[in-house]
Amino acid sequence: MIKSRQVKKGGEKMARRPGSPYNGKRYLGNTDKNIVHDLDNEDTDENACQIDEIKHEHIKMFDYHFEARNEGFKDCKYCF
C-alpha cells in the first residue's frame, strides 16, 4: 500500500497515481523535456510540476531515482 503524501506549496496533497501510465511508481520521466519528477514531492503550484499536462506518450516511469539519472534525465527544480 502506498501511504506517502506530501503537502506542497499549493496546499493540495499529491501522491503517486495508481493507474496507467503511472502504475504507482514514484519517479516520472518526461521524455519530451528530459526531466524526472518525484511524485511523492510534487509541487502543485500553477507553474510548477504540471504532471497532469504531460502527454502519456512522453511519460517513462521509474522505480528508483538513480534509474532516471542513469538515462540522462535531469531533476525537476520544483520537486527535488
PDB file of N, CA and C in Angstrom:
ATOM      1  N   MET A   1       0.832  -1.174   0.000  1.00  0.00           N
ATOM      2  CA  MET A   1       0.000   0.000   0.000  1.00  0.00           C
ATOM      3  C   MET A   1       0.884   1.247   0.000  1.00  0.00           C
ATOM      4  N   ILE A   2       0.548   2.220  -0.823  1.00  0.00           N
ATOM      5  CA  ILE A   2       1.311   3.467  -0.910  1.00  0.00           C
ATOM      6  C   ILE A   2       0.675   4.475   0.039  1.00  0.00           C
ATOM      7  N   LYS A   3       1.450   4.921   1.021  1.00  0.00           N
ATOM      8  CA  LYS A   3       0.923   5.846   2.013  1.00  0.00           C
ATOM      9  C   LYS A   3       1.541   7.226   1.910  1.00  0.00           C
ATOM     10  N   SER A   4       2.610   7.361   1.155  1.00  0.00           N
ATOM     11  CA  SER A   4       3.360   8.609   1.134  1.00  0.00           C
ATOM     12  C   SER A   4       2.552   9.745   0.509  1.00  0.00           C
ATOM     13  N   ARG A   5       2.397  10.819   1.254  1.00  0.00           N
ATOM     14  CA  ARG A   5       1.728  12.020   0.755  1.00  0.00           C
ATOM     15  C   ARG A   5       2.468  13.234   1.309  1.00  0.00           C
ATOM     16  N   GLN A   6       2.600  14.230   0.508  1.00  0.00           N
ATOM     17  CA  GLN A   6       3.274  15.446   0.926  1.00  0.00           C
ATOM     18  C   GLN A   6       2.342  16.626   0.679  1.00  0.00           C
ATOM     19  N   VAL A   7       2.396  17.626   1.539  1.00  0.00           N
ATOM     20  CA  VAL A   7       1.663  18.858   1.298  1.00  0.00           C
ATOM     21  C   VAL A   7       2.650  19.851   0.709  1.00  0.00           C
ATOM     22  N   LYS A   8       2.379  20.306  -0.475  1.00  0.00           N
ATOM     23  CA  LYS A   8       3.280  21.220  -1.159  1.00  0.00           C
ATOM     24  C   LYS A   8       2.726  22.638  -1.105  1.00  0.00           C
ATOM     25  N   LYS A   9       3.416  23.555  -1.731  1.00  0.00           N
ATOM     26  CA  LYS A   9       3.099  24.973  -1.662  1.00  0.00           C
ATOM     27  C   LYS A   9       1.642  25.295  -1.966  1.00  0.00           C
ATOM     28  N   GLY A  10       1.069  24.634  -2.956  1.00  0.00           N
ATOM     29  CA  GLY A  10      -0.308  24.900  -3.341  1.00  0.00           C
ATOM     30  C   GLY A  10      -1.314  24.406  -2.312  1.00  0.00           C
ATOM     31  N   GLY A  11      -0.845  23.634  -1.327  1.00  0.00           N
ATOM     32  CA  GLY A  11      -1.705  23.171  -0.268  1.00  0.00           C
ATOM     33  C   GLY A  11      -2.401  21.861  -0.573  1.00  0.00           C
ATOM     34  N   GLU A  12      -2.407  21.434  -1.802  1.00  0.00           N
ATOM     35  CA  GLU A  12      -3.085  20.206  -2.191  1.00  0.00           C
ATOM     36  C   GLU A  12      -2.178  19.011  -1.930  1.00  0.00           C
ATOM     37  N   LYS A  13      -2.750  17.925  -1.417  1.00  0.00           N
ATOM     38  CA  LYS A  13      -1.975  16.713  -1.181  1.00  0.00           C
ATOM     39  C   LYS A  13      -1.845  15.944  -2.488  1.00  0.00           C
ATOM     40  N   MET A  14      -0.623  15.543  -2.796  1.00  0.00           N
ATOM     41  CA  MET A  14      -0.371  14.777  -4.014  1.00  0.00           C
ATOM     42  C   MET A  14       0.382  13.511  -3.644  1.00  0.00           C
ATOM     43  N   ALA A  15       0.246  12.509  -4.478  1.00  0.00           N
ATOM     44  CA  ALA A  15       0.946  11.245  -4.259  1.00  0.00           C
ATOM     45  C   ALA A  15       1.045  10.509  -5.576  1.00  0.00           C
ATOM     46  N   ARG A  16       1.596   9.350  -5.515  1.00  0.00           N
ATOM     47  CA  ARG A  16       1.709   8.518  -6.708  1.00  0.00           C
ATOM     48  C   ARG A  16       0.320   8.208  -7.243  1.00  0.00           C
ATOM     49  N   ARG A  17       0.256   8.008  -8.530  1.00  0.00           N
ATOM     50  CA  ARG A  17      -1.016   7.707  -9.182  1.00  0.00           C
ATOM     51  C   ARG A  17      -1.062   6.209  -9.505  1.00  0.00           C
ATOM     52  N   PRO A  18      -2.171   5.543  -9.193  1.00  0.00           N
ATOM     53  CA  PRO A  18      -2.232   4.093  -9.344  1.00  0.00           C
ATOM     54  C   PRO A  18      -2.405   3.584 -10.778  1.00  0.00           C
ATOM     55  N   GLY A  19      -3.084   4.325 -11.630  1.00  0.00           N
ATOM     56  CA  GLY A  19      -3.415   3.817 -12.963  1.00  0.00           C
ATOM     57  C   GLY A  19      -2.320   4.036 -13.994  1.00  0.00           C
ATOM     58  N   SER A  20      -2.572   3.509 -15.171  1.00  0.00           N
ATOM     59  CA  SER A  20      -1.657   3.652 -16.305  1.00  0.00           C
ATOM     60  C   SER A  20      -1.609   5.108 -16.760  1.00  0.00           C
ATOM     61  N   PRO A  21      -0.489   5.633 -17.148  1.00  0.00           N
ATOM     62  CA  PRO A  21       0.821   5.017 -17.315  1.00  0.00           C
ATOM     63  C   PRO A  21       1.696   5.075 -16.062  1.00  0.00           C
ATOM     64  N   TYR A  22       1.151   5.546 -14.948  1.00  0.00           N
ATOM     65  CA  TYR A  22       1.946   5.780 -13.740  1.00  0.00           C
ATOM     66  C   TYR A  22       2.215   4.494 -12.955  1.00  0.00           C
ATOM     67  N   ASN A  23       1.210   3.654 -12.833  1.00  0.00           N
ATOM     68  CA  ASN A  23       1.317   2.332 -12.204  1.00  0.00           C
ATOM     69  C   ASN A  23       1.897   2.352 -10.795  1.00  0.00           C
ATOM     70  N   GLY A  24       1.632   3.424 -10.052  1.00  0.00           N
ATOM     71  CA  GLY A  24       2.055   3.501  -8.660  1.00  0.00           C
ATOM     72  C   GLY A  24       3.528   3.755  -8.439  1.00  0.00           C
ATOM     73  N   LYS A  25       4.265   3.999  -9.498  1.00  0.00           N
ATOM     74  CA  LYS A  25       5.705   4.242  -9.347  1.00  0.00           C
ATOM     75  C   LYS A  25       5.952   5.680  -8.891  1.00  0.00           C
ATOM     76  N   ARG A  26       7.101   5.892  -8.284  1.00  0.00           N
ATOM     77  CA  ARG A  26       7.398   7.195  -7.677  1.00  0.00           C
ATOM     78  C   ARG A  26       7.990   8.218  -8.644  1.00  0.00           C
ATOM     79  N   TYR A  27       8.830   7.786  -9.571  1.00  0.00           N
ATOM     80  CA  TYR A  27       9.580   8.736 -10.399  1.00  0.00           C
ATOM     81  C   TYR A  27       9.051   8.738 -11.830  1.00  0.00           C
ATOM     82  N   LEU A  28       8.720   9.931 -12.303  1.00  0.00           N
ATOM     83  CA  LEU A  28       8.161  10.102 -13.635  1.00  0.00           C
ATOM     84  C   LEU A  28       9.153  10.857 -14.500  1.00  0.00           C
ATOM     85  N   GLY A  29       9.561  10.243 -15.583  1.00  0.00           N
ATOM     86  CA  GLY A  29      10.436  10.898 -16.541  1.00  0.00           C
ATOM     87  C   GLY A  29       9.619  11.485 -17.681  1.00  0.00           C
ATOM     88  N   ASN A  30       9.817  12.765 -17.949  1.00  0.00           N
ATOM     89  CA  ASN A  30       9.187  13.426 -19.096  1.00  0.00           C
ATOM     90  C   ASN A  30      10.198  13.349 -20.240  1.00  0.00           C
ATOM     91  N   THR A  31       9.946  12.445 -21.198  1.00  0.00           N
ATOM     92  CA  THR A  31      10.896  12.228 -22.284  1.00  0.00           C
ATOM     93  C   THR A  31      10.948  13.387 -23.253  1.00  0.00           C
ATOM     94  N   ASP A  32       9.929  14.248 -23.249  1.00  0.00           N
ATOM     95  CA  ASP A  32       9.918  15.426 -24.122  1.00  0.00           C
ATOM     96  C   ASP A  32      10.900  16.485 -23.623  1.00  0.00           C
ATOM     97  N   LYS A  33      10.982  16.649 -22.306  1.00  0.00           N
ATOM     98  CA  LYS A  33      11.851  17.678 -21.715  1.00  0.00           C
ATOM     99  C   LYS A  33      13.056  17.095 -20.985  1.00  0.00           C
ATOM    100  N   ASN A  34      13.120  15.762 -20.918  1.00  0.00           N
ATOM    101  CA  ASN A  34      14.234  15.061 -20.275  1.00  0.00           C
ATOM    102  C   ASN A  34      14.391  15.449 -18.802  1.00  0.00           C
ATOM    103  N   ILE A  35      13.243  15.546 -18.110  1.00  0.00           N
ATOM    104  CA  ILE A  35      13.210  15.913 -16.702  1.00  0.00           C
ATOM    105  C   ILE A  35      12.530  14.789 -15.924  1.00  0.00           C
ATOM    106  N   VAL A  36      13.054  14.489 -14.739  1.00  0.00           N
ATOM    107  CA  VAL A  36      12.444  13.497 -13.863  1.00  0.00           C
ATOM    108  C   VAL A  36      11.775  14.204 -12.688  1.00  0.00           C
ATOM    109  N   HIS A  37      10.570  13.739 -12.343  1.00  0.00           N
ATOM    110  CA  HIS A  37       9.784  14.283 -11.236  1.00  0.00           C
ATOM    111  C   HIS A  37       9.647  13.239 -10.145  1.00  0.00           C
ATOM    112  N   ASP A  38       9.575  13.699  -8.895  1.00  0.00           N
ATOM    113  CA  ASP A  38       9.321  12.840  -7.740  1.00  0.00           C
ATOM    114  C   ASP A  38       7.856  13.030  -7.360  1.00  0.00           C
ATOM    115  N   LEU A  39       7.011  12.063  -7.669  1.00  0.00           N
ATOM    116  CA  LEU A  39       5.573  12.211  -7.441  1.00  0.00           C
ATOM    117  C   LEU A  39       5.217  12.314  -5.969  1.00  0.00           C
ATOM    118  N   ASP A  40       6.071  11.840  -5.073  1.00  0.00           N
ATOM    119  CA  ASP A  40       5.813  11.977  -3.643  1.00  0.00           C
ATOM    120  C   ASP A  40       6.084  13.394  -3.148  1.00  0.00           C
ATOM    121  N   ASN A  41       6.732  14.210  -3.949  1.00  0.00           N
ATOM    122  CA  ASN A  41       7.057  15.591  -3.565  1.00  0.00           C
ATOM    123  C   ASN A  41       6.580  16.597  -4.608  1.00  0.00           C
ATOM    124  N   GLU A  42       5.584  16.222  -5.359  1.00  0.00           N
ATOM    125  CA  GLU A  42       5.080  17.065  -6.454  1.00  0.00           C
ATOM    126  C   GLU A  42       4.629  18.430  -5.944  1.00  0.00           C
ATOM    127  N   ASP A  43       5.066  19.471  -6.610  1.00  0.00           N
ATOM    128  CA  ASP A  43       4.658  20.840  -6.296  1.00  0.00           C
ATOM    129  C   ASP A  43       3.445  21.157  -7.161  1.00  0.00           C
ATOM    130  N   THR A  44       2.319  21.452  -6.522  1.00  0.00           N
ATOM    131  CA  THR A  44       1.070  21.669  -7.260  1.00  0.00           C
ATOM    132  C   THR A  44       0.811  23.128  -7.617  1.00  0.00           C
ATOM    133  N   ASP A  45       1.751  24.018  -7.359  1.00  0.00           N
ATOM    134  CA  ASP A  45       1.563  25.411  -7.783  1.00  0.00           C
ATOM    135  C   ASP A  45       1.326  25.464  -9.282  1.00  0.00           C
ATOM    136  N   GLU A  46       0.620  26.485  -9.713  1.00  0.00           N
ATOM    137  CA  GLU A  46       0.189  26.617 -11.105  1.00  0.00           C
ATOM    138  C   GLU A  46       1.308  26.442 -12.127  1.00  0.00           C
ATOM    139  N   ASN A  47       2.473  26.989 -11.886  1.00  0.00           N
ATOM    140  CA  ASN A  47       3.561  26.928 -12.865  1.00  0.00           C
ATOM    141  C   ASN A  47       4.681  25.979 -12.458  1.00  0.00           C
ATOM    142  N   ALA A  48       4.398  25.047 -11.561  1.00  0.00           N
ATOM    143  CA  ALA A  48       5.444  24.135 -11.077  1.00  0.00           C
ATOM    144  C   ALA A  48       5.478  22.855 -11.905  1.00  0.00           C
ATOM    145  N   CYS A  49       5.290  21.723 -11.292  1.00  0.00           N
ATOM    146  CA  CYS A  49       5.495  20.433 -11.958  1.00  0.00           C
ATOM    147  C   CYS A  49       4.543  20.163 -13.128  1.00  0.00           C
ATOM    148  N   GLN A  50       3.283  20.430 -12.977  1.00  0.00           N
ATOM    149  CA  GLN A  50       2.272  20.237 -14.030  1.00  0.00           C
ATOM    150  C   GLN A  50       2.284  18.819 -14.604  1.00  0.00           C
ATOM    151  N   ILE A  51       2.323  17.838 -13.728  1.00  0.00           N
ATOM    152  CA  ILE A  51       2.369  16.429 -14.128  1.00  0.00           C
ATOM    153  C   ILE A  51       1.199  16.063 -15.029  1.00  0.00           C
ATOM    154  N   ASP A  52       0.015  16.546 -14.696  1.00  0.00           N
ATOM    155  CA  ASP A  52      -1.173  16.169 -15.466  1.00  0.00           C
ATOM    156  C   ASP A  52      -1.177  16.740 -16.888  1.00  0.00           C
ATOM    157  N   GLU A  53      -0.282  17.656 -17.184  1.00  0.00           N
ATOM    158  CA  GLU A  53      -0.190  18.237 -18.523  1.00  0.00           C
ATOM    159  C   GLU A  53       0.759  17.461 -19.444  1.00  0.00           C
ATOM    160  N   ILE A  54       1.512  16.523 -18.893  1.00  0.00           N
ATOM    161  CA  ILE A  54       2.468  15.745 -19.694  1.00  0.00           C
ATOM    162  C   ILE A  54       1.702  14.694 -20.488  1.00  0.00           C
ATOM    163  N   LYS A  55       1.918  14.665 -21.784  1.00  0.00           N
ATOM    164  CA  LYS A  55       1.258  13.678 -22.642  1.00  0.00           C
ATOM    165  C   LYS A  55       1.752  12.285 -22.275  1.00  0.00           C
ATOM    166  N   HIS A  56       0.835  11.336 -22.287  1.00  0.00           N
ATOM    167  CA  HIS A  56       1.174   9.970 -21.886  1.00  0.00           C
ATOM    168  C   HIS A  56       2.307   9.377 -22.721  1.00  0.00           C
ATOM    169  N   GLU A  57       2.410   9.752 -23.985  1.00  0.00           N
ATOM    170  CA  GLU A  57       3.489   9.208 -24.817  1.00  0.00           C
ATOM    171  C   GLU A  57       4.864   9.754 -24.421  1.00  0.00           C
ATOM    172  N   HIS A  58       4.882  10.787 -23.566  1.00  0.00           N
ATOM    173  CA  HIS A  58       6.142  11.368 -23.089  1.00  0.00           C
ATOM    174  C   HIS A  58       6.468  10.949 -21.655  1.00  0.00           C
ATOM    175  N   ILE A  59       5.742   9.962 -21.122  1.00  0.00           N
ATOM    176  CA  ILE A  59       5.958   9.520 -19.747  1.00  0.00           C
ATOM    177  C   ILE A  59       6.713   8.196 -19.724  1.00  0.00           C
ATOM    178  N   LYS A  60       7.771   8.180 -18.922  1.00  0.00           N
ATOM    179  CA  LYS A  60       8.509   6.947 -18.656  1.00  0.00           C
ATOM    180  C   LYS A  60       8.673   6.856 -17.147  1.00  0.00           C
ATOM    181  N   MET A  61       8.133   5.798 -16.554  1.00  0.00           N
ATOM    182  CA  MET A  61       8.138   5.661 -15.103  1.00  0.00           C
ATOM    183  C   MET A  61       9.347   4.863 -14.627  1.00  0.00           C
ATOM    184  N   PHE A  62       9.795   5.204 -13.422  1.00  0.00           N
ATOM    185  CA  PHE A  62      10.946   4.555 -12.812  1.00  0.00           C
ATOM    186  C   PHE A  62      10.630   4.189 -11.358  1.00  0.00           C
ATOM    187  N   ASP A  63      11.177   3.078 -10.909  1.00  0.00           N
ATOM    188  CA  ASP A  63      11.060   2.694  -9.503  1.00  0.00           C
ATOM    189  C   ASP A  63      12.044   3.469  -8.640  1.00  0.00           C
ATOM    190  N   TYR A  64      13.199   3.781  -9.206  1.00  0.00           N
ATOM    191  CA  TYR A  64      14.273   4.420  -8.446  1.00  0.00           C
ATOM    192  C   TYR A  64      14.789   5.656  -9.176  1.00  0.00           C
ATOM    193  N   HIS A  65      15.152   6.669  -8.396  1.00  0.00           N
ATOM    194  CA  HIS A  65      15.671   7.924  -8.934  1.00  0.00           C
ATOM    195  C   HIS A  65      16.930   7.696  -9.769  1.00  0.00           C
ATOM    196  N   PHE A  66      17.827   6.844  -9.290  1.00  0.00           N
ATOM    197  CA  PHE A  66      19.086   6.627 -10.000  1.00  0.00           C
ATOM    198  C   PHE A  66      18.859   6.057 -11.403  1.00  0.00           C
ATOM    199  N   GLU A  67      17.771   5.325 -11.612  1.00  0.00           N
ATOM    200  CA  GLU A  67      17.483   4.781 -12.948  1.00  0.00           C
ATOM    201  C   GLU A  67      17.256   5.916 -13.953  1.00  0.00           C
ATOM    202  N   ALA A  68      16.481   6.900 -13.542  1.00  0.00           N
ATOM    203  CA  ALA A  68      16.220   8.045 -14.412  1.00  0.00           C
ATOM    204  C   ALA A  68      17.494   8.848 -14.646  1.00  0.00           C
ATOM    205  N   ARG A  69      18.269   9.063 -13.598  1.00  0.00           N
ATOM    206  CA  ARG A  69      19.520   9.817 -13.725  1.00  0.00           C
ATOM    207  C   ARG A  69      20.502   9.089 -14.639  1.00  0.00           C
ATOM    208  N   ASN A  70      20.552   7.759 -14.540  1.00  0.00           N
ATOM    209  CA  ASN A  70      21.439   6.973 -15.400  1.00  0.00           C
ATOM    210  C   ASN A  70      21.040   7.061 -16.868  1.00  0.00           C
ATOM    211  N   GLU A  71      19.774   7.350 -17.134  1.00  0.00           N
ATOM    212  CA  GLU A  71      19.305   7.511 -18.507  1.00  0.00           C
ATOM    213  C   GLU A  71      19.395   8.965 -18.984  1.00  0.00           C
ATOM    214  N   GLY A  72      19.987   9.831 -18.173  1.00  0.00           N
ATOM    215  CA  GLY A  72      20.234  11.198 -18.585  1.00  0.00           C
ATOM    216  C   GLY A  72      19.163  12.209 -18.219  1.00  0.00           C
ATOM    217  N   PHE A  73      18.164  11.810 -17.418  1.00  0.00           N
ATOM    218  CA  PHE A  73      17.132  12.758 -17.003  1.00  0.00           C
ATOM    219  C   PHE A  73      17.698  13.691 -15.941  1.00  0.00           C
ATOM    220  N   LYS A  74      17.298  14.940 -15.997  1.00  0.00           N
ATOM    221  CA  LYS A  74      17.699  15.942 -15.016  1.00  0.00           C
ATOM    222  C   LYS A  74      16.555  16.109 -14.010  1.00  0.00           C
ATOM    223  N   ASP A  75      16.886  16.474 -12.778  1.00  0.00           N
ATOM    224  CA  ASP A  75      15.879  16.648 -11.723  1.00  0.00           C
ATOM    225  C   ASP A  75      15.018  17.881 -11.954  1.00  0.00           C
ATOM    226  N   CYS A  76      13.727  17.755 -11.687  1.00  0.00           N
ATOM    227  CA  CYS A  76      12.807  18.893 -11.699  1.00  0.00           C
ATOM    228  C   CYS A  76      13.216  19.850 -10.575  1.00  0.00           C
ATOM    229  N   LYS A  77      13.246  21.132 -10.868  1.00  0.00           N
ATOM    230  CA  LYS A  77      13.665  22.104  -9.862  1.00  0.00           C
ATOM    231  C   LYS A  77      12.596  22.334  -8.787  1.00  0.00           C
ATOM    232  N   TYR A  78      11.390  21.861  -9.012  1.00  0.00           N
ATOM    233  CA  TYR A  78      10.316  22.064  -8.040  1.00  0.00           C
ATOM    234  C   TYR A  78      10.151  20.911  -7.059  1.00  0.00           C
ATOM    235  N   CYS A  79      10.321  19.682  -7.510  1.00  0.00           N
ATOM    236  CA  CYS A  79      10.021  18.550  -6.634  1.00  0.00           C
ATOM    237  C   CYS A  79      11.276  17.845  -6.121  1.00  0.00           C
ATOM    238  N   PHE A  80      12.455  18.320  -6.514  1.00  0.00           N
ATOM    239  CA  PHE A  80      13.687  17.786  -5.947  1.00  0.00           C
ATOM    240  C   PHE A  80      14.415  18.870  -5.198  1.00  0.00           C
TER     241      PHE A  80
END
